[in-house]
Structures are given as C-alpha cells and as structure tokens.
Amino acid sequence: MNSPTDEQTALIRITLEGRKMSYPDRYQQENLLNLHKAKMSLEQAIDFLSQ
C-alpha cells in the first residue's frame, strides 16, 4: 500500500486536529480520513496475522 501524498497527509492531520473544511470539500476530507483509518486497521491485522 502506498503512503498518502503530502496533500493527503495535510488533510489527515488537520482532520485529526478537529478542524473541518467547508462543504463540499469536507466530504472528501472525511472520506480520506476513513480510508486512512481502514488502511491502518488492515496493516495492524496483517502484522497480527504474520506473527
């Protein structure tokens, strides 16, 4: 899995800080954060299963 781009990393960071963008950009912001959380969960599951 690839790492997020610099722009995506910035969006994730400001979302985790609790800052929100205006609509319709907020939809993309929240969607990106959800994808990031899913990726992190999958990586944790793979690490757990490979031990």
N, C-alpha and C. Protein backbone atom coordinates (compact mmCIF):
# COMPACT_ATOMS: atom_id res chain seq x y z
N MET A 1 0.85 -1.18 0.00
CA MET A 1 0.00 0.00 0.00
C MET A 1 0.89 1.23 0.00
N ASN A 2 0.50 2.19 -0.76
CA ASN A 2 1.28 3.41 -0.85
C ASN A 2 0.99 4.34 0.31
N SER A 3 1.92 5.21 0.57
CA SER A 3 1.73 6.24 1.59
C SER A 3 0.92 7.38 1.00
N PRO A 4 0.22 8.13 1.86
CA PRO A 4 -0.54 9.27 1.33
C PRO A 4 0.38 10.35 0.77
N THR A 5 -0.14 11.11 -0.18
CA THR A 5 0.62 12.23 -0.72
C THR A 5 0.76 13.31 0.35
N ASP A 6 1.58 14.30 0.08
CA ASP A 6 1.74 15.40 1.04
C ASP A 6 0.42 16.10 1.31
N GLU A 7 -0.38 16.30 0.26
CA GLU A 7 -1.67 16.95 0.41
C GLU A 7 -2.62 16.11 1.25
N GLN A 8 -2.61 14.79 1.00
CA GLN A 8 -3.47 13.90 1.77
C GLN A 8 -3.03 13.85 3.24
N THR A 9 -1.73 13.85 3.46
CA THR A 9 -1.21 13.85 4.82
C THR A 9 -1.66 15.11 5.56
N ALA A 10 -1.61 16.24 4.88
CA ALA A 10 -2.05 17.50 5.49
C ALA A 10 -3.53 17.45 5.82
N LEU A 11 -4.34 16.89 4.92
CA LEU A 11 -5.78 16.77 5.19
C LEU A 11 -6.04 15.87 6.38
N ILE A 12 -5.33 14.77 6.45
CA ILE A 12 -5.50 13.85 7.58
C ILE A 12 -5.10 14.56 8.88
N ARG A 13 -3.99 15.28 8.84
CA ARG A 13 -3.50 15.97 10.04
C ARG A 13 -4.51 17.01 10.55
N ILE A 14 -5.03 17.85 9.65
CA ILE A 14 -5.97 18.87 10.11
C ILE A 14 -7.28 18.24 10.57
N THR A 15 -7.66 17.11 9.99
CA THR A 15 -8.86 16.43 10.43
C THR A 15 -8.68 15.88 11.84
N LEU A 16 -7.52 15.27 12.10
CA LEU A 16 -7.24 14.73 13.43
C LEU A 16 -7.15 15.84 14.47
N GLU A 17 -6.79 17.05 14.04
CA GLU A 17 -6.75 18.20 14.95
C GLU A 17 -8.14 18.75 15.23
N GLY A 18 -9.15 18.25 14.52
CA GLY A 18 -10.52 18.69 14.75
C GLY A 18 -10.97 19.84 13.86
N ARG A 19 -10.11 20.27 12.95
CA ARG A 19 -10.50 21.35 12.04
C ARG A 19 -11.29 20.76 10.88
N LYS A 20 -12.31 21.45 10.44
CA LYS A 20 -13.17 20.98 9.35
C LYS A 20 -13.11 21.95 8.19
N MET A 21 -13.19 21.39 6.99
CA MET A 21 -13.25 22.22 5.78
C MET A 21 -14.72 22.53 5.49
N SER A 22 -14.96 23.45 4.59
CA SER A 22 -16.33 23.77 4.21
C SER A 22 -16.82 22.74 3.20
N TYR A 23 -18.13 22.61 3.11
CA TYR A 23 -18.72 21.69 2.12
C TYR A 23 -18.47 22.25 0.73
N PRO A 24 -18.27 21.49 -0.32
CA PRO A 24 -18.27 20.03 -0.42
C PRO A 24 -16.92 19.41 -0.13
N ASP A 25 -15.90 20.22 0.17
CA ASP A 25 -14.56 19.69 0.44
C ASP A 25 -14.53 18.83 1.69
N ARG A 26 -15.45 19.08 2.62
CA ARG A 26 -15.48 18.30 3.85
C ARG A 26 -15.78 16.83 3.56
N TYR A 27 -16.59 16.57 2.55
CA TYR A 27 -16.88 15.18 2.20
C TYR A 27 -15.60 14.47 1.80
N GLN A 28 -14.78 15.09 0.97
CA GLN A 28 -13.50 14.48 0.57
C GLN A 28 -12.58 14.33 1.76
N GLN A 29 -12.56 15.30 2.65
CA GLN A 29 -11.72 15.27 3.83
C GLN A 29 -12.10 14.07 4.71
N GLU A 30 -13.40 13.90 4.98
CA GLU A 30 -13.84 12.80 5.83
C GLU A 30 -13.65 11.46 5.14
N ASN A 31 -13.86 11.41 3.83
CA ASN A 31 -13.66 10.17 3.08
C ASN A 31 -12.19 9.75 3.13
N LEU A 32 -11.29 10.69 2.96
CA LEU A 32 -9.86 10.41 3.02
C LEU A 32 -9.46 9.90 4.41
N LEU A 33 -10.00 10.52 5.45
CA LEU A 33 -9.68 10.08 6.81
C LEU A 33 -10.19 8.65 7.03
N ASN A 34 -11.38 8.33 6.55
CA ASN A 34 -11.92 6.98 6.70
C ASN A 34 -11.06 5.96 5.96
N LEU A 35 -10.61 6.31 4.77
CA LEU A 35 -9.73 5.40 4.02
C LEU A 35 -8.41 5.20 4.76
N HIS A 36 -7.89 6.26 5.33
CA HIS A 36 -6.64 6.17 6.09
C HIS A 36 -6.82 5.26 7.31
N LYS A 37 -7.93 5.42 8.02
CA LYS A 37 -8.19 4.57 9.18
C LYS A 37 -8.33 3.11 8.77
N ALA A 38 -8.99 2.86 7.65
CA ALA A 38 -9.15 1.48 7.15
C ALA A 38 -7.79 0.89 6.80
N LYS A 39 -6.94 1.67 6.16
CA LYS A 39 -5.59 1.20 5.79
C LYS A 39 -4.80 0.86 7.04
N MET A 40 -4.87 1.72 8.05
CA MET A 40 -4.13 1.47 9.28
C MET A 40 -4.65 0.19 9.96
N SER A 41 -5.95 -0.02 9.95
CA SER A 41 -6.53 -1.23 10.56
C SER A 41 -6.10 -2.48 9.80
N LEU A 42 -6.08 -2.40 8.48
CA LEU A 42 -5.63 -3.54 7.68
C LEU A 42 -4.16 -3.86 7.94
N GLU A 43 -3.34 -2.84 8.05
CA GLU A 43 -1.92 -3.05 8.34
C GLU A 43 -1.74 -3.70 9.71
N GLN A 44 -2.53 -3.29 10.69
CA GLN A 44 -2.45 -3.90 12.01
C GLN A 44 -2.87 -5.36 11.96
N ALA A 45 -3.94 -5.66 11.21
CA ALA A 45 -4.40 -7.03 11.09
C ALA A 45 -3.36 -7.90 10.41
N ILE A 46 -2.74 -7.39 9.36
CA ILE A 46 -1.70 -8.15 8.65
C ILE A 46 -0.51 -8.40 9.57
N ASP A 47 -0.10 -7.39 10.33
CA ASP A 47 1.00 -7.56 11.27
C ASP A 47 0.66 -8.61 12.32
N PHE A 48 -0.57 -8.56 12.81
CA PHE A 48 -1.01 -9.52 13.83
C PHE A 48 -1.00 -10.94 13.28
N LEU A 49 -1.49 -11.13 12.07
CA LEU A 49 -1.58 -12.44 11.48
C LEU A 49 -0.21 -12.99 11.08
N SER A 50 0.74 -12.13 10.80
CA SER A 50 2.05 -12.60 10.37
C SER A 50 2.97 -12.94 11.54
N GLN A 51 2.53 -12.71 12.75
CA GLN A 51 3.38 -13.01 13.92
C GLN A 51 3.21 -14.44 14.36
